[in-house]
Amino acid sequence: MKRVGVVLRMEEINNISKHYVRDSLINKLLKYNIEIICIPINNNLNNIYNIISECNGIIFPGGDDINDIDIKMIEFCHKKGIPTLGICLGMQEMSFYDKGLINDLNDDSHYNKYHDIKINKNSLLYKILKTNRILVNSIHKSYVSKTKFDVSAVSEDNIIEAIEDKSKRFFLGVQWHPERMEEGEATLLFDYFI
């Protein structure tokens, strides 16, 4: 059985720190015959690397803030060739790891909105989705303005919506939330990753 690691997100509420993963991602993954491994964020990187090494692929989900430990985990996955899927913040962290730039949007044009994106025909994303245009959900206030990775998709207003490293088997980040979308393109993306 394949093992898929999901990096937990952390937040502090009333001085109590909590690690979590959103139900929408877990529910999407429960449709597959896989073992889901939750990866905690802590300072014992050797333990984290050991957990990651036991997984067939890693998902860096959405969240609020770029985390230094996440960046080290992404670097580890990238160097070891471990299939990696970044979602929203996860994509931004993937780009940030490779010295990309993250900027804040000046408006809410990509927050709680649906919009079209254009997919590069020479990308893994196009190979997976078999189309050059899809409608995606957007829940982000920051965006990748510069990346050394290949840009797979952009929005109509030229916001980077997907990045990938073509030299890897699967190293792909998307700015939208496929785990919150119904069937169709979202399912194709998870099907291919799994």
C-alpha atoms as a PDB file:
ATOM      1  CA  MET A   1       0.000   0.000   0.000  1.00  0.00           C
ATOM      2  CA  LYS A   2       1.305   3.440  -0.920  1.00  0.00           C
ATOM      3  CA  ARG A   3       2.063   5.878   1.877  1.00  0.00           C
ATOM      4  CA  VAL A   4       1.266   9.553   1.321  1.00  0.00           C
ATOM      5  CA  GLY A   5       2.680  12.048   3.775  1.00  0.00           C
ATOM      6  CA  VAL A   6       0.680  15.169   4.574  1.00  0.00           C
ATOM      7  CA  VAL A   7       2.536  17.994   6.293  1.00  0.00           C
ATOM      8  CA  LEU A   8       0.525  19.267   9.230  1.00  0.00           C
ATOM      9  CA  ARG A   9      -0.140  22.973   9.594  1.00  0.00           C
ATOM     10  CA  MET A  10       0.194  24.748  12.918  1.00  0.00           C
ATOM     11  CA  GLU A  11      -1.696  27.592  14.543  1.00  0.00           C
ATOM     12  CA  GLU A  12      -1.935  29.031  18.005  1.00  0.00           C
ATOM     13  CA  ILE A  13      -5.323  29.726  19.578  1.00  0.00           C
ATOM     14  CA  ASN A  14      -5.523  31.151  23.116  1.00  0.00           C
ATOM     15  CA  ASN A  15      -1.838  30.311  23.688  1.00  0.00           C
ATOM     16  CA  ILE A  16      -2.457  26.679  22.740  1.00  0.00           C
ATOM     17  CA  SER A  17      -0.502  25.383  19.739  1.00  0.00           C
ATOM     18  CA  LYS A  18      -2.361  22.965  17.451  1.00  0.00           C
ATOM     19  CA  HIS A  19      -1.259  20.832  14.526  1.00  0.00           C
ATOM     20  CA  TYR A  20      -3.932  20.066  11.953  1.00  0.00           C
ATOM     21  CA  VAL A  21      -4.845  19.094   8.426  1.00  0.00           C
ATOM     22  CA  ARG A  22      -8.110  20.266   6.882  1.00  0.00           C
ATOM     23  CA  ASP A  23     -10.975  17.785   6.464  1.00  0.00           C
ATOM     24  CA  SER A  24     -11.280  18.565   2.753  1.00  0.00           C
ATOM     25  CA  LEU A  25      -7.799  17.171   2.051  1.00  0.00           C
ATOM     26  CA  ILE A  26      -8.235  14.109   4.262  1.00  0.00           C
ATOM     27  CA  ASN A  27     -11.646  13.383   2.712  1.00  0.00           C
ATOM     28  CA  LYS A  28     -10.159  13.637  -0.794  1.00  0.00           C
ATOM     29  CA  LEU A  29      -7.328  11.252   0.117  1.00  0.00           C
ATOM     30  CA  LEU A  30      -9.633   8.750   1.831  1.00  0.00           C
ATOM     31  CA  LYS A  31     -11.032   7.908  -1.614  1.00  0.00           C
ATOM     32  CA  TYR A  32      -7.750   6.147  -2.426  1.00  0.00           C
ATOM     33  CA  ASN A  33      -6.338   2.888  -1.140  1.00  0.00           C
ATOM     34  CA  ILE A  34      -3.391   4.548   0.600  1.00  0.00           C
ATOM     35  CA  GLU A  35      -1.956   4.999   4.057  1.00  0.00           C
ATOM     36  CA  ILE A  36      -2.037   8.664   5.097  1.00  0.00           C
ATOM     37  CA  ILE A  37       0.949   9.697   7.214  1.00  0.00           C
ATOM     38  CA  CYS A  38       0.628  12.991   9.116  1.00  0.00           C
ATOM     39  CA  ILE A  39       3.977  14.769   9.357  1.00  0.00           C
ATOM     40  CA  PRO A  40       4.345  17.068  12.384  1.00  0.00           C
ATOM     41  CA  ILE A  41       6.235  20.335  12.246  1.00  0.00           C
ATOM     42  CA  ASN A  42       8.967  20.297  14.868  1.00  0.00           C
ATOM     43  CA  ASN A  43      12.657  20.978  15.164  1.00  0.00           C
ATOM     44  CA  ASN A  44      13.773  17.350  15.028  1.00  0.00           C
ATOM     45  CA  LEU A  45      14.543  17.318  11.323  1.00  0.00           C
ATOM     46  CA  ASN A  46      16.154  13.882  11.404  1.00  0.00           C
ATOM     47  CA  ASN A  47      12.882  12.363  12.625  1.00  0.00           C
ATOM     48  CA  ILE A  48      10.959  14.306   9.979  1.00  0.00           C
ATOM     49  CA  TYR A  49      13.346  13.164   7.226  1.00  0.00           C
ATOM     50  CA  ASN A  50      12.963   9.553   8.398  1.00  0.00           C
ATOM     51  CA  ILE A  51       9.160   9.846   8.176  1.00  0.00           C
ATOM     52  CA  ILE A  52       9.350  11.459   4.726  1.00  0.00           C
ATOM     53  CA  SER A  53      11.731   8.732   3.502  1.00  0.00           C
ATOM     54  CA  GLU A  54       9.102   6.111   4.328  1.00  0.00           C
ATOM     55  CA  CYS A  55       6.508   7.855   2.124  1.00  0.00           C
ATOM     56  CA  ASN A  56       5.875   7.423  -1.591  1.00  0.00           C
ATOM     57  CA  GLY A  57       4.892  11.080  -1.928  1.00  0.00           C
ATOM     58  CA  ILE A  58       4.403  14.222   0.162  1.00  0.00           C
ATOM     59  CA  ILE A  59       1.687  16.881   0.116  1.00  0.00           C
ATOM     60  CA  PHE A  60       2.345  20.394   1.408  1.00  0.00           C
ATOM     61  CA  PRO A  61      -1.187  21.777   1.914  1.00  0.00           C
ATOM     62  CA  GLY A  62      -2.494  25.317   2.184  1.00  0.00           C
ATOM     63  CA  GLY A  63      -1.913  27.408   5.270  1.00  0.00           C
ATOM     64  CA  ASP A  64      -1.094  30.905   6.423  1.00  0.00           C
ATOM     65  CA  ASP A  65       2.645  31.482   6.758  1.00  0.00           C
ATOM     66  CA  ILE A  66       5.826  30.168   5.184  1.00  0.00           C
ATOM     67  CA  ASN A  67       7.591  27.925   7.681  1.00  0.00           C
ATOM     68  CA  ASP A  68      11.389  27.414   7.726  1.00  0.00           C
ATOM     69  CA  ILE A  69      10.969  23.730   8.560  1.00  0.00           C
ATOM     70  CA  ASP A  70       8.658  23.280   5.570  1.00  0.00           C
ATOM     71  CA  ILE A  71      11.343  24.801   3.349  1.00  0.00           C
ATOM     72  CA  LYS A  72      13.888  22.283   4.677  1.00  0.00           C
ATOM     73  CA  MET A  73      11.410  19.444   4.077  1.00  0.00           C
ATOM     74  CA  ILE A  74      10.796  20.645   0.510  1.00  0.00           C
ATOM     75  CA  GLU A  75      14.540  20.834  -0.091  1.00  0.00           C
ATOM     76  CA  PHE A  76      14.879  17.253   1.213  1.00  0.00           C
ATOM     77  CA  CYS A  77      12.031  16.007  -1.031  1.00  0.00           C
ATOM     78  CA  HIS A  78      13.449  17.822  -4.048  1.00  0.00           C
ATOM     79  CA  LYS A  79      16.981  16.494  -3.583  1.00  0.00           C
ATOM     80  CA  LYS A  80      15.775  12.926  -2.929  1.00  0.00           C
ATOM     81  CA  GLY A  81      13.315  13.002  -5.846  1.00  0.00           C
ATOM     82  CA  ILE A  82      10.322  12.261  -3.611  1.00  0.00           C
ATOM     83  CA  PRO A  83       7.083  13.093  -5.466  1.00  0.00           C
ATOM     84  CA  THR A  84       5.827  16.389  -4.037  1.00  0.00           C
ATOM     85  CA  LEU A  85       2.488  18.164  -4.432  1.00  0.00           C
ATOM     86  CA  GLY A  86       2.184  21.717  -3.123  1.00  0.00           C
ATOM     87  CA  ILE A  87      -1.236  23.290  -2.634  1.00  0.00           C
ATOM     88  CA  CYS A  88      -1.617  27.084  -2.269  1.00  0.00           C
ATOM     89  CA  LEU A  89       0.888  27.920   0.506  1.00  0.00           C
ATOM     90  CA  GLY A  90       2.632  24.650  -0.368  1.00  0.00           C
ATOM     91  CA  MET A  91       3.245  25.926  -3.908  1.00  0.00           C
ATOM     92  CA  GLN A  92       4.502  29.245  -2.566  1.00  0.00           C
ATOM     93  CA  GLU A  93       6.898  27.408  -0.240  1.00  0.00           C
ATOM     94  CA  MET A  94       8.153  25.272  -3.140  1.00  0.00           C
ATOM     95  CA  SER A  95       8.979  28.421  -5.079  1.00  0.00           C
ATOM     96  CA  PHE A  96      10.453  30.138  -2.005  1.00  0.00           C
ATOM     97  CA  TYR A  97      12.786  27.157  -1.477  1.00  0.00           C
ATOM     98  CA  ASP A  98      14.257  27.873  -4.909  1.00  0.00           C
ATOM     99  CA  LYS A  99      14.765  31.582  -4.135  1.00  0.00           C
ATOM    100  CA  GLY A 100      11.433  32.650  -5.586  1.00  0.00           C
ATOM    101  CA  LEU A 101       9.677  35.841  -4.555  1.00  0.00           C
ATOM    102  CA  ILE A 102       6.338  35.964  -2.764  1.00  0.00           C
ATOM    103  CA  ASN A 103       4.310  39.194  -2.826  1.00  0.00           C
ATOM    104  CA  ASP A 104       1.011  40.273  -1.300  1.00  0.00           C
ATOM    105  CA  LEU A 105      -1.904  40.966  -3.612  1.00  0.00           C
ATOM    106  CA  ASN A 106      -3.167  44.555  -3.381  1.00  0.00           C
ATOM    107  CA  ASP A 107      -6.802  43.474  -3.490  1.00  0.00           C
ATOM    108  CA  ASP A 108      -9.088  40.488  -2.927  1.00  0.00           C
ATOM    109  CA  SER A 109      -9.162  39.497  -6.609  1.00  0.00           C
ATOM    110  CA  HIS A 110      -7.972  35.980  -5.794  1.00  0.00           C
ATOM    111  CA  TYR A 111      -9.596  35.486  -2.414  1.00  0.00           C
ATOM    112  CA  ASN A 112     -12.758  33.337  -2.299  1.00  0.00           C
ATOM    113  CA  LYS A 113     -13.126  33.581  -6.066  1.00  0.00           C
ATOM    114  CA  TYR A 114     -13.332  31.266  -9.059  1.00  0.00           C
ATOM    115  CA  HIS A 115     -11.405  32.152 -12.200  1.00  0.00           C
ATOM    116  CA  ASP A 116      -9.924  30.631 -15.344  1.00  0.00           C
ATOM    117  CA  ILE A 117      -6.295  29.680 -15.691  1.00  0.00           C
ATOM    118  CA  LYS A 118      -4.272  29.007 -18.831  1.00  0.00           C
ATOM    119  CA  ILE A 119      -2.117  25.873 -18.767  1.00  0.00           C
ATOM    120  CA  ASN A 120       1.177  25.581 -20.646  1.00  0.00           C
ATOM    121  CA  LYS A 121       0.899  22.764 -23.223  1.00  0.00           C
ATOM    122  CA  ASN A 122       4.488  21.689 -22.536  1.00  0.00           C
ATOM    123  CA  SER A 123       3.852  20.977 -18.860  1.00  0.00           C
ATOM    124  CA  LEU A 124       3.169  17.968 -16.673  1.00  0.00           C
ATOM    125  CA  LEU A 125      -0.002  19.734 -15.560  1.00  0.00           C
ATOM    126  CA  TYR A 126      -1.266  19.734 -19.162  1.00  0.00           C
ATOM    127  CA  LYS A 127      -0.348  16.050 -19.500  1.00  0.00           C
ATOM    128  CA  ILE A 128      -2.415  15.303 -16.382  1.00  0.00           C
ATOM    129  CA  LEU A 129      -5.453  17.483 -17.109  1.00  0.00           C
ATOM    130  CA  LYS A 130      -5.413  17.180 -20.925  1.00  0.00           C
ATOM    131  CA  THR A 131      -6.661  20.737 -21.367  1.00  0.00           C
ATOM    132  CA  ASN A 132      -5.126  24.191 -21.650  1.00  0.00           C
ATOM    133  CA  ARG A 133      -7.813  26.003 -19.641  1.00  0.00           C
ATOM    134  CA  ILE A 134      -9.704  25.216 -16.425  1.00  0.00           C
ATOM    135  CA  LEU A 135     -11.784  27.007 -13.809  1.00  0.00           C
ATOM    136  CA  VAL A 136     -10.173  26.971 -10.352  1.00  0.00           C
ATOM    137  CA  ASN A 137     -11.008  28.175  -6.872  1.00  0.00           C
ATOM    138  CA  SER A 138      -8.775  30.814  -5.340  1.00  0.00           C
ATOM    139  CA  ILE A 139      -8.220  31.481  -1.647  1.00  0.00           C
ATOM    140  CA  HIS A 140      -4.934  33.358  -1.458  1.00  0.00           C
ATOM    141  CA  LYS A 141      -3.769  36.871  -0.625  1.00  0.00           C
ATOM    142  CA  SER A 142      -0.148  36.321  -1.634  1.00  0.00           C
ATOM    143  CA  TYR A 143       1.332  35.070  -4.876  1.00  0.00           C
ATOM    144  CA  VAL A 144       4.560  33.877  -6.446  1.00  0.00           C
ATOM    145  CA  SER A 145       6.001  36.742  -8.490  1.00  0.00           C
ATOM    146  CA  LYS A 146       9.264  35.040  -9.442  1.00  0.00           C
ATOM    147  CA  THR A 147      10.407  31.424  -9.563  1.00  0.00           C
ATOM    148  CA  LYS A 148      13.260  29.425 -11.068  1.00  0.00           C
ATOM    149  CA  PHE A 149      10.899  26.499 -11.608  1.00  0.00           C
ATOM    150  CA  ASP A 150       8.856  26.081 -14.777  1.00  0.00           C
ATOM    151  CA  VAL A 151       5.587  28.018 -14.766  1.00  0.00           C
ATOM    152  CA  SER A 152       2.820  25.568 -15.733  1.00  0.00           C
ATOM    153  CA  ALA A 153      -0.199  27.885 -15.522  1.00  0.00           C
ATOM    154  CA  VAL A 154      -1.160  31.524 -15.098  1.00  0.00           C
ATOM    155  CA  SER A 155      -4.416  33.343 -14.398  1.00  0.00           C
ATOM    156  CA  GLU A 156      -5.979  35.857 -16.776  1.00  0.00           C
ATOM    157  CA  ASP A 157      -4.248  38.634 -14.797  1.00  0.00           C
ATOM    158  CA  ASN A 158      -0.881  36.827 -15.107  1.00  0.00           C
ATOM    159  CA  ILE A 159      -0.643  35.511 -11.546  1.00  0.00           C
ATOM    160  CA  ILE A 160       1.418  32.305 -11.450  1.00  0.00           C
ATOM    161  CA  GLU A 161      -1.039  29.470 -10.744  1.00  0.00           C
ATOM    162  CA  ALA A 162       1.182  26.381 -11.055  1.00  0.00           C
ATOM    163  CA  ILE A 163       4.892  25.556 -11.024  1.00  0.00           C
ATOM    164  CA  GLU A 164       6.843  22.367 -11.633  1.00  0.00           C
ATOM    165  CA  ASP A 165      10.346  21.009 -11.977  1.00  0.00           C
ATOM    166  CA  LYS A 166      10.466  19.054 -15.223  1.00  0.00           C
ATOM    167  CA  SER A 167      13.674  17.317 -14.176  1.00  0.00           C
ATOM    168  CA  LYS A 168      11.785  15.477 -11.405  1.00  0.00           C
ATOM    169  CA  ARG A 169       9.251  12.660 -11.671  1.00  0.00           C
ATOM    170  CA  PHE A 170       6.622  14.739  -9.832  1.00  0.00           C
ATOM    171  CA  PHE A 171       7.393  18.113  -8.254  1.00  0.00           C
ATOM    172  CA  LEU A 172       4.298  20.216  -8.864  1.00  0.00           C
ATOM    173  CA  GLY A 173       2.651  23.077  -7.013  1.00  0.00           C
ATOM    174  CA  VAL A 174      -0.767  24.613  -7.651  1.00  0.00           C
ATOM    175  CA  GLN A 175      -2.034  27.911  -6.256  1.00  0.00           C
ATOM    176  CA  TRP A 176      -5.647  26.754  -6.037  1.00  0.00           C
ATOM    177  CA  HIS A 177      -7.286  24.153  -3.766  1.00  0.00           C
ATOM    178  CA  PRO A 178      -8.062  20.981  -5.763  1.00  0.00           C
ATOM    179  CA  GLU A 179      -9.037  19.201  -2.536  1.00  0.00           C
ATOM    180  CA  ARG A 180     -11.998  21.596  -2.226  1.00  0.00           C
ATOM    181  CA  MET A 181     -13.166  21.066  -5.782  1.00  0.00           C
ATOM    182  CA  GLU A 182     -15.569  18.381  -6.910  1.00  0.00           C
ATOM    183  CA  GLU A 183     -14.680  15.739  -9.457  1.00  0.00           C
ATOM    184  CA  GLY A 184     -13.094  16.491 -12.827  1.00  0.00           C
ATOM    185  CA  GLU A 185      -9.702  18.191 -12.996  1.00  0.00           C
ATOM    186  CA  ALA A 186      -9.189  18.020  -9.227  1.00  0.00           C
ATOM    187  CA  THR A 187      -9.628  14.248  -9.265  1.00  0.00           C
ATOM    188  CA  LEU A 188      -7.274  13.861 -12.242  1.00  0.00           C
ATOM    189  CA  LEU A 189      -4.552  15.719 -10.342  1.00  0.00           C
ATOM    190  CA  PHE A 190      -4.866  13.507  -7.251  1.00  0.00           C
ATOM    191  CA  ASP A 191      -5.243  10.355  -9.375  1.00  0.00           C
ATOM    192  CA  TYR A 192      -1.961  11.095 -11.151  1.00  0.00           C
ATOM    193  CA  PHE A 193      -0.140  12.024  -7.941  1.00  0.00           C
ATOM    194  CA  ILE A 194      -1.284   8.855  -6.155  1.00  0.00           C
END
